[in-house]
Amino acid sequence: MGVADLDLDLDLGPDPERPPAPDLDLDGKPHVLSLTPAPGGPPLRAGPLFALVRLRGRPVATVLTTVPDGADPAHVLVAEFRAQYEPRDQRPPETGALSATPPRTTVVVATRERADRLGRALDSLLAQDHPDFRVVVVDNAPVTTATRELVDEVYADRVTYVHEPVPGLAVAHNRGVAATDSPVVAFTDDDVVADPRWLSALTAPFAADPRTGCVTGLILPARLTTPAQVLLESHGGFAKGFAPRLYDPTAPPADEPLFPFTAGSFGSGANMAFRTSALRAVGGFDPATGTGTPARGGDDLYAFVRILTAGHRLRYTPDALVWHHHRETWQDLRDQAYGYGAGLTAYLTAVLCRRPSLLPALLAKLPRGLAHARAITAHRPEETGAGTPGTHGTHGHPWPLSLSRLERRGMLYGPLGYARARWGSR
């Protein structure tokens, strides 16, 4: 399945960021500004196509369609977009946060023995339009010198190399925070390609609102070429939608009764930034969480909840876009399902161990929390899967019962995994 990036110029009414121009579409027919494959993806051709749709550069939707032989992919995508989305459904332009000058930022990329993928990520980071940033690579418990050699030979004087001998993603992230001298620190992974405006969009909200402690952004698939990749995206992938959200602990969202303990809805670790002082004030990431520890994950979720419970706001902005290379094999997906479940309960355990005062609030929401956990790990039957990437069948679409069971088994293991990680760190 191809993955495309479509940019349109569509008449959605007055736009305070864009004055009227001779090519302004007055009859409602969109102009195609660009149509390209996702970064690193194959050329567009006939067949299934999953596309990001932008309006004048800003992500607004995804569409899934099939391009017939000989048809123009742009024409097919535009028709599908107009059939699924009315102009009034699109979010209006945001002027406040986007117009603010992004603060000086350090981008931290934690990696371990994936120099081949890291180079692709670093190339995209060095092409950012942010006015003042630096990139730090944290080499986590390396067994070879491949990462150091890549940074020294290809990115000398442009990327800072830091060695962290203790394994674990949270430990690596904390090492990156220690190497930060900027007011904002951003994090992404070595298997992403960042959109050129990613860092500016991710960090501008910190300048616009002094109460903002964390910002997360949109994550879309760079490729959907294997059944495992299609299945993951069918189940939601890492995307959190195209509507900006503000999470304020002084005004909990009415549609999230489990707030702030549903941290998985706030964003993901491949696309997040923190006000450095706020992250340091809550102690950074819990080193007993995250990939590379017995806890298997949850380091990003832990940080989100700690920021919110410390009184800071968390913002989600879909304008901050990265393209993620999903895992390719069925076994990879099984490991990810188990690790997701384990990380979910491990981070909750970590929050309670670090902030016991939150226990009454968590216990009060526990019944709803258990129901929510059952819902997000439920087997998805065929009839509920329409409109998402993939085809029905084994290891394809919908979400198999075996993966649901793995997620739930991981949830049962999570507290034990966190305890093992805490004990091992001593």
Protein backbone atom coordinates (compact mmCIF):
# COMPACT_ATOMS: atom_id res chain seq x y z
CA MET A 1 0.00 0.00 0.00
CA GLY A 2 1.42 3.37 -0.99
CA VAL A 3 1.60 6.31 1.42
CA ALA A 4 1.30 9.81 -0.02
CA ASP A 5 1.48 13.43 1.10
CA LEU A 6 -1.07 15.69 -0.62
CA ASP A 7 -1.13 19.47 -0.17
CA LEU A 8 -4.20 21.41 -1.30
CA ASP A 9 -5.23 25.03 -1.67
CA LEU A 10 -8.93 24.95 -0.80
CA ASP A 11 -11.40 27.74 -0.17
CA LEU A 12 -12.30 27.38 3.52
CA GLY A 13 -13.25 30.98 4.12
CA PRO A 14 -11.15 33.88 5.43
CA ASP A 15 -7.62 32.99 6.52
CA PRO A 16 -5.91 35.64 8.68
CA GLU A 17 -2.52 34.05 8.04
CA ARG A 18 -2.84 34.18 4.27
CA PRO A 19 -4.01 37.34 2.45
CA PRO A 20 -6.14 36.99 -0.71
CA ALA A 21 -4.07 36.01 -3.75
CA PRO A 22 -4.85 35.73 -7.46
CA ASP A 23 -4.94 31.94 -7.24
CA LEU A 24 -7.38 31.88 -4.31
CA ASP A 25 -10.01 29.22 -5.05
CA LEU A 26 -13.34 31.01 -5.12
CA ASP A 27 -15.48 28.23 -6.56
CA GLY A 28 -14.60 25.58 -4.00
CA LYS A 29 -12.44 23.47 -6.28
CA PRO A 30 -9.10 22.72 -4.62
CA HIS A 31 -5.79 23.39 -6.30
CA VAL A 32 -3.18 20.69 -5.77
CA LEU A 33 -0.05 22.38 -4.46
CA SER A 34 1.95 19.16 -4.22
CA LEU A 35 1.57 15.40 -4.19
CA THR A 36 4.58 13.33 -3.15
CA PRO A 37 5.24 9.92 -1.63
CA ALA A 38 5.86 9.80 2.10
CA PRO A 39 9.56 10.35 2.89
CA GLY A 40 11.55 7.41 1.60
CA GLY A 41 8.47 5.76 0.14
CA PRO A 42 8.13 4.25 -3.35
CA PRO A 43 6.73 6.24 -6.28
CA LEU A 44 2.96 6.60 -6.41
CA ARG A 45 1.20 4.09 -8.63
CA ALA A 46 -2.11 2.32 -9.12
CA GLY A 47 -3.49 0.34 -6.19
CA PRO A 48 -4.33 1.03 -2.53
CA LEU A 49 -3.15 4.45 -1.37
CA PHE A 50 -3.15 5.94 2.13
CA ALA A 51 -2.57 9.71 2.00
CA LEU A 52 -2.07 12.63 4.31
CA VAL A 53 -4.05 15.65 3.16
CA ARG A 54 -2.75 19.12 3.97
CA LEU A 55 -4.40 22.46 3.40
CA ARG A 56 -1.74 25.02 2.51
CA GLY A 57 0.86 22.96 4.33
CA ARG A 58 -1.13 22.11 7.47
CA PRO A 59 -2.21 18.48 8.11
CA VAL A 60 -5.99 18.13 8.26
CA ALA A 61 -6.96 14.53 7.39
CA THR A 62 -5.98 11.16 6.00
CA VAL A 63 -7.81 9.35 3.22
CA LEU A 64 -7.70 5.75 2.08
CA THR A 65 -8.62 4.92 -1.50
CA THR A 66 -7.67 2.82 -4.50
CA VAL A 67 -6.15 4.41 -7.58
CA PRO A 68 -7.30 2.64 -10.78
CA ASP A 69 -4.83 1.82 -13.54
CA GLY A 70 -4.10 4.89 -15.63
CA ALA A 71 -5.81 7.31 -13.24
CA ASP A 72 -4.22 10.45 -11.85
CA PRO A 73 -3.53 9.80 -8.13
CA ALA A 74 -4.02 13.49 -7.30
CA HIS A 75 -7.45 13.57 -8.93
CA VAL A 76 -8.55 10.38 -7.16
CA LEU A 77 -7.31 11.62 -3.77
CA VAL A 78 -8.97 15.02 -4.12
CA ALA A 79 -12.28 13.40 -5.03
CA GLU A 80 -12.04 11.03 -2.06
CA PHE A 81 -11.14 13.86 0.28
CA ARG A 82 -14.10 15.98 -0.83
CA ALA A 83 -16.41 12.98 -0.51
CA GLN A 84 -15.33 12.29 3.07
CA TYR A 85 -14.76 15.79 4.43
CA GLU A 86 -16.74 18.97 4.05
CA PRO A 87 -14.83 22.29 4.21
CA ARG A 88 -16.71 23.25 7.35
CA ASP A 89 -15.30 20.13 9.04
CA GLN A 90 -11.74 21.44 8.80
CA ARG A 91 -10.23 23.22 11.74
CA PRO A 92 -9.75 26.99 11.38
CA PRO A 93 -6.25 28.45 11.21
CA GLU A 94 -4.43 28.85 14.52
CA THR A 95 -2.58 32.13 14.80
CA GLY A 96 -1.44 32.37 18.44
CA ALA A 97 0.99 29.52 19.00
CA LEU A 98 2.12 29.25 15.38
CA SER A 99 3.02 32.92 15.12
CA ALA A 100 5.20 32.88 18.25
CA THR A 101 8.96 32.66 17.77
CA PRO A 102 10.07 29.14 18.75
CA PRO A 103 12.44 29.12 21.74
CA ARG A 104 15.96 27.74 21.63
CA THR A 105 15.67 23.95 21.65
CA THR A 106 17.74 20.80 22.01
CA VAL A 107 16.53 17.74 20.08
CA VAL A 108 17.45 14.44 21.75
CA VAL A 109 17.56 11.20 19.75
CA ALA A 110 18.22 8.06 21.78
CA THR A 111 19.48 5.14 19.73
CA ARG A 112 21.04 1.70 20.05
CA GLU A 113 22.77 -0.14 17.21
CA ARG A 114 20.61 1.31 14.41
CA ALA A 115 23.06 3.55 12.60
CA ASP A 116 21.46 2.74 9.24
CA ARG A 117 18.14 4.24 10.35
CA LEU A 118 19.65 6.99 12.45
CA GLY A 119 21.22 8.71 9.45
CA ARG A 120 17.84 9.13 7.80
CA ALA A 121 16.40 10.69 10.96
CA LEU A 122 19.36 13.04 11.45
CA ASP A 123 19.14 14.27 7.85
CA SER A 124 15.53 15.31 8.44
CA LEU A 125 16.34 16.97 11.76
CA LEU A 126 19.17 19.03 10.32
CA ALA A 127 16.76 20.30 7.63
CA GLN A 128 14.36 21.86 10.16
CA ASP A 129 13.26 25.48 9.71
CA HIS A 130 13.55 26.18 13.46
CA PRO A 131 15.70 29.31 14.02
CA ASP A 132 17.83 28.05 16.94
CA PHE A 133 18.34 24.38 17.80
CA ARG A 134 20.95 21.67 18.27
CA VAL A 135 20.77 17.88 17.96
CA VAL A 136 22.09 15.44 20.57
CA VAL A 137 22.42 11.72 19.85
CA VAL A 138 22.48 9.52 22.95
CA ASP A 139 24.14 6.18 22.19
CA ASN A 140 22.51 3.82 24.67
CA ALA A 141 24.55 0.83 25.88
CA PRO A 142 26.27 0.31 22.51
CA VAL A 143 28.04 -2.92 21.63
CA THR A 144 29.73 -1.50 18.53
CA THR A 145 31.14 1.87 17.52
CA ALA A 146 28.81 2.25 14.52
CA THR A 147 26.78 5.12 15.96
CA ARG A 148 29.82 7.09 17.13
CA GLU A 149 31.48 6.61 13.75
CA LEU A 150 28.37 7.79 11.92
CA VAL A 151 28.15 10.97 13.98
CA ASP A 152 31.89 11.67 13.84
CA GLU A 153 32.31 10.99 10.12
CA VAL A 154 29.07 12.29 8.62
CA TYR A 155 27.66 14.80 11.10
CA ALA A 156 30.76 16.25 12.74
CA ASP A 157 30.19 19.75 14.16
CA ARG A 158 26.45 19.44 13.44
CA VAL A 159 25.39 16.73 15.92
CA THR A 160 26.56 16.18 19.50
CA TYR A 161 27.37 12.59 20.47
CA VAL A 162 26.73 11.41 24.05
CA HIS A 163 27.46 7.92 25.40
CA GLU A 164 25.13 6.35 27.99
CA PRO A 165 26.35 2.93 29.21
CA VAL A 166 23.22 2.00 31.22
CA PRO A 167 20.52 0.41 29.01
CA GLY A 168 17.04 1.83 28.92
CA LEU A 169 15.22 4.50 26.94
CA ALA A 170 14.34 6.59 29.99
CA VAL A 171 17.96 6.55 31.16
CA ALA A 172 19.06 7.66 27.70
CA HIS A 173 16.49 10.45 27.66
CA ASN A 174 17.62 11.65 31.07
CA ARG A 175 21.19 11.72 29.80
CA GLY A 176 19.97 13.89 26.94
CA VAL A 177 18.24 16.24 29.36
CA ALA A 178 21.48 16.51 31.35
CA ALA A 179 23.24 17.58 28.14
CA THR A 180 20.63 20.27 27.45
CA ASP A 181 21.34 23.95 27.94
CA SER A 182 18.18 25.21 26.21
CA PRO A 183 14.78 26.18 27.69
CA VAL A 184 13.01 23.49 25.65
CA VAL A 185 14.04 19.89 25.00
CA ALA A 186 12.40 17.81 22.26
CA PHE A 187 12.53 14.07 21.71
CA THR A 188 12.09 11.86 18.68
CA ASP A 189 13.18 8.37 17.64
CA ASP A 190 15.80 7.04 15.25
CA ASP A 191 13.12 5.47 13.02
CA VAL A 192 11.28 8.66 12.07
CA VAL A 193 11.58 11.30 9.39
CA ALA A 194 10.64 14.76 10.69
CA ASP A 195 8.63 17.15 8.56
CA PRO A 196 10.65 20.35 7.88
CA ARG A 197 8.30 22.41 10.09
CA TRP A 198 8.10 19.78 12.84
CA LEU A 199 10.33 21.42 15.42
CA SER A 200 8.98 24.94 14.95
CA ALA A 201 5.38 23.73 15.29
CA LEU A 202 6.26 21.57 18.30
CA THR A 203 8.06 24.30 20.26
CA ALA A 204 6.24 27.53 19.38
CA PRO A 205 3.48 26.84 21.97
CA PHE A 206 6.05 27.18 24.76
CA ALA A 207 6.65 30.78 23.74
CA ALA A 208 2.93 31.50 23.36
CA ASP A 209 1.87 30.12 26.76
CA PRO A 210 4.16 30.14 29.83
CA ARG A 211 1.98 27.50 31.51
CA THR A 212 2.72 24.95 28.78
CA GLY A 213 4.96 22.21 30.15
CA CYS A 214 4.71 19.65 27.35
CA VAL A 215 3.74 19.56 23.67
CA THR A 216 3.14 16.47 21.54
CA GLY A 217 2.54 16.09 17.81
CA LEU A 218 1.20 13.97 14.99
CA ILE A 219 2.81 10.63 14.01
CA LEU A 220 1.93 9.04 10.67
CA PRO A 221 3.25 5.90 8.93
CA ALA A 222 6.05 6.37 6.43
CA ARG A 223 5.37 2.98 4.86
CA LEU A 224 2.51 0.48 4.82
CA THR A 225 4.11 -2.35 2.90
CA THR A 226 3.82 -5.36 5.22
CA PRO A 227 0.76 -6.92 6.90
CA ALA A 228 2.16 -6.01 10.33
CA GLN A 229 2.53 -2.33 9.39
CA VAL A 230 -0.98 -2.21 7.95
CA LEU A 231 -2.41 -3.94 10.98
CA LEU A 232 -0.77 -1.52 13.41
CA GLU A 233 -2.13 1.48 11.53
CA SER A 234 -5.53 -0.22 11.30
CA HIS A 235 -5.56 -0.35 15.09
CA GLY A 236 -4.85 3.37 15.31
CA GLY A 237 -1.08 3.45 15.02
CA PHE A 238 0.44 6.39 16.88
CA ALA A 239 -1.77 9.16 15.46
CA LYS A 240 -3.90 11.21 17.87
CA GLY A 241 -6.03 12.94 15.27
CA PHE A 242 -6.05 16.29 13.51
CA ALA A 243 -7.74 18.42 16.15
CA PRO A 244 -5.49 20.43 18.49
CA ARG A 245 -6.06 19.67 22.16
CA LEU A 246 -5.24 21.48 25.37
CA TYR A 247 -5.01 19.43 28.57
CA ASP A 248 -5.19 21.69 31.60
CA PRO A 249 -5.14 20.19 35.13
CA THR A 250 -7.20 23.14 36.38
CA ALA A 251 -9.95 22.38 33.83
CA PRO A 252 -10.04 18.60 33.21
CA PRO A 253 -11.55 17.66 29.83
CA ALA A 254 -15.15 16.56 30.11
CA ASP A 255 -14.69 13.80 27.54
CA GLU A 256 -11.90 12.12 29.53
CA PRO A 257 -13.26 11.08 32.94
CA LEU A 258 -10.03 9.19 33.70
CA PHE A 259 -7.86 12.29 33.23
CA PRO A 260 -4.91 12.49 33.77
CA PHE A 261 -4.40 8.72 33.90
CA THR A 262 -5.23 8.14 30.22
CA ALA A 263 -1.79 9.35 29.21
CA GLY A 264 -1.84 7.26 26.04
CA SER A 265 -4.25 9.77 24.49
CA PHE A 266 -1.87 12.69 25.01
CA GLY A 267 0.83 11.68 22.53
CA SER A 268 3.82 9.40 22.09
CA GLY A 269 7.53 9.50 22.84
CA ALA A 270 8.53 9.71 19.18
CA ASN A 271 7.12 13.24 19.02
CA MET A 272 7.24 15.23 22.26
CA ALA A 273 8.86 18.29 23.81
CA PHE A 274 9.09 19.64 27.35
CA ARG A 275 9.91 22.88 29.04
CA THR A 276 13.30 21.85 30.40
CA SER A 277 12.80 23.43 33.81
CA ALA A 278 9.44 21.68 34.25
CA LEU A 279 10.81 18.29 33.25
CA ARG A 280 13.76 18.62 35.61
CA ALA A 281 11.48 19.77 38.44
CA VAL A 282 9.51 16.50 38.30
CA GLY A 283 12.71 14.44 38.24
CA GLY A 284 12.81 13.70 34.51
CA PHE A 285 11.89 10.26 33.23
CA ASP A 286 11.63 7.32 35.62
CA PRO A 287 14.70 5.18 34.75
CA ALA A 288 12.79 2.00 35.64
CA THR A 289 10.38 2.55 32.74
CA GLY A 290 10.82 2.44 28.99
CA THR A 291 12.15 0.19 26.28
CA GLY A 292 15.29 -1.65 27.32
CA THR A 293 14.08 -2.28 30.89
CA PRO A 294 11.93 -5.10 32.33
CA ALA A 295 9.04 -2.60 32.36
CA ARG A 296 9.09 -2.66 28.52
CA GLY A 297 7.69 0.88 28.10
CA GLY A 298 5.75 3.74 29.66
CA ASP A 299 8.54 6.30 30.09
CA ASP A 300 6.77 8.88 27.93
CA LEU A 301 3.39 8.29 29.61
CA TYR A 302 4.97 8.70 33.03
CA ALA A 303 6.43 12.07 32.03
CA PHE A 304 3.11 13.29 30.64
CA VAL A 305 1.25 12.52 33.86
CA ARG A 306 3.98 13.99 36.07
CA ILE A 307 3.94 17.23 34.08
CA LEU A 308 0.16 17.51 34.38
CA THR A 309 0.03 16.63 38.07
CA ALA A 310 2.67 19.30 38.69
CA GLY A 311 0.21 21.88 37.37
CA HIS A 312 1.51 22.40 33.84
CA ARG A 313 -0.52 22.31 30.65
CA LEU A 314 0.01 19.74 27.90
CA ARG A 315 -0.80 20.60 24.29
CA TYR A 316 -1.27 18.34 21.29
CA THR A 317 -0.68 19.97 17.91
CA PRO A 318 -1.11 18.04 14.65
CA ASP A 319 1.01 20.65 12.85
CA ALA A 320 4.11 19.03 14.39
CA LEU A 321 4.41 16.01 12.09
CA VAL A 322 6.84 13.10 11.95
CA TRP A 323 6.70 10.05 9.69
CA HIS A 324 7.31 6.81 11.59
CA HIS A 325 8.65 3.56 10.13
CA HIS A 326 6.43 0.96 11.75
CA ARG A 327 7.81 -2.43 12.67
CA GLU A 328 7.67 -4.82 9.75
CA THR A 329 7.18 -8.40 10.99
CA TRP A 330 4.42 -10.23 12.79
CA GLN A 331 6.75 -11.08 15.69
CA ASP A 332 7.66 -7.40 15.97
CA LEU A 333 3.98 -6.58 16.29
CA ARG A 334 3.45 -9.26 18.93
CA ASP A 335 6.33 -7.85 20.96
CA GLN A 336 4.92 -4.34 20.55
CA ALA A 337 1.43 -5.38 21.70
CA TYR A 338 2.81 -7.03 24.83
CA GLY A 339 5.16 -4.13 25.50
CA TYR A 340 2.36 -1.60 25.11
CA GLY A 341 0.26 -3.37 27.73
CA ALA A 342 3.19 -3.74 30.09
CA GLY A 343 4.24 -0.12 29.70
CA LEU A 344 0.70 1.08 30.41
CA THR A 345 0.48 -0.46 33.88
CA ALA A 346 4.20 0.01 34.57
CA TYR A 347 3.89 3.78 34.19
CA LEU A 348 0.86 3.84 36.51
CA THR A 349 2.87 1.90 39.07
CA ALA A 350 5.75 4.33 38.66
CA VAL A 351 3.45 7.34 39.16
CA LEU A 352 2.05 5.89 42.38
CA CYS A 353 5.51 4.96 43.68
CA ARG A 354 6.82 8.46 42.98
CA ARG A 355 3.61 10.31 43.94
CA PRO A 356 1.69 8.23 46.53
CA SER A 357 -0.64 11.18 47.08
CA LEU A 358 -2.27 10.35 43.73
CA LEU A 359 -3.47 6.96 44.97
CA PRO A 360 -6.92 8.15 46.17
CA ALA A 361 -7.63 9.78 42.80
CA LEU A 362 -6.54 6.66 40.94
CA LEU A 363 -8.60 4.34 43.15
CA ALA A 364 -11.67 6.52 42.64
CA LYS A 365 -11.31 6.10 38.88
CA LEU A 366 -10.25 2.45 38.97
CA PRO A 367 -13.60 0.89 37.91
CA ARG A 368 -13.80 3.11 34.83
CA GLY A 369 -10.11 2.55 34.26
CA LEU A 370 -10.55 -1.23 34.11
CA ALA A 371 -13.41 -0.83 31.66
CA HIS A 372 -11.27 1.49 29.56
CA ALA A 373 -8.40 -1.00 29.58
CA ARG A 374 -10.71 -3.77 28.37
CA ALA A 375 -12.02 -1.52 25.61
CA ILE A 376 -8.66 -0.40 24.21
CA THR A 377 -7.34 -3.98 24.15
CA ALA A 378 -10.50 -5.59 22.81
CA HIS A 379 -10.58 -7.80 19.75
CA ARG A 380 -12.02 -5.68 16.93
CA PRO A 381 -14.49 -7.66 14.82
CA GLU A 382 -14.63 -7.30 11.08
CA GLU A 383 -17.67 -5.06 10.88
CA THR A 384 -16.03 -2.29 12.96
CA GLY A 385 -12.94 -2.04 10.78
CA ALA A 386 -14.37 -0.31 7.70
CA GLY A 387 -12.43 2.64 6.41
CA THR A 388 -9.08 1.78 7.97
CA PRO A 389 -5.98 0.54 6.17
CA GLY A 390 -5.74 -3.13 5.45
CA THR A 391 -7.70 -6.10 4.18
CA HIS A 392 -9.62 -8.57 6.26
CA GLY A 393 -7.94 -11.84 7.08
CA THR A 394 -5.30 -13.52 9.18
CA HIS A 395 -2.52 -11.22 10.37
CA GLY A 396 -4.09 -8.39 8.43
CA HIS A 397 -7.28 -6.68 9.52
CA PRO A 398 -9.06 -6.44 11.97
CA TRP A 399 -7.18 -6.56 15.30
CA PRO A 400 -6.74 -10.25 16.16
CA LEU A 401 -7.81 -11.74 19.45
CA SER A 402 -4.28 -13.09 20.00
CA LEU A 403 -2.87 -9.54 20.09
CA SER A 404 -5.62 -8.43 22.46
CA ARG A 405 -4.64 -11.24 24.81
CA LEU A 406 -0.98 -10.26 24.57
CA GLU A 407 -1.80 -6.65 25.49
CA ARG A 408 -3.81 -7.76 28.51
CA ARG A 409 -1.10 -10.20 29.57
CA GLY A 410 1.35 -7.33 29.35
CA MET A 411 -0.88 -5.22 31.57
CA LEU A 412 -0.80 -7.91 34.24
CA TYR A 413 2.98 -8.08 33.97
CA GLY A 414 3.61 -4.31 33.99
CA PRO A 415 3.75 -3.72 37.77
CA LEU A 416 6.04 -6.73 38.20
CA GLY A 417 8.25 -5.51 35.37
CA TYR A 418 8.53 -2.09 36.97
CA ALA A 419 9.41 -3.66 40.34
CA ARG A 420 12.09 -5.77 38.67
CA ALA A 421 13.50 -2.68 36.93
CA ARG A 422 13.54 -0.69 40.18
CA TRP A 423 15.27 -3.54 41.99
CA GLY A 424 17.77 -4.04 39.20
CA SER A 425 18.67 -0.34 39.16
CA ARG A 426 19.84 -0.62 42.77
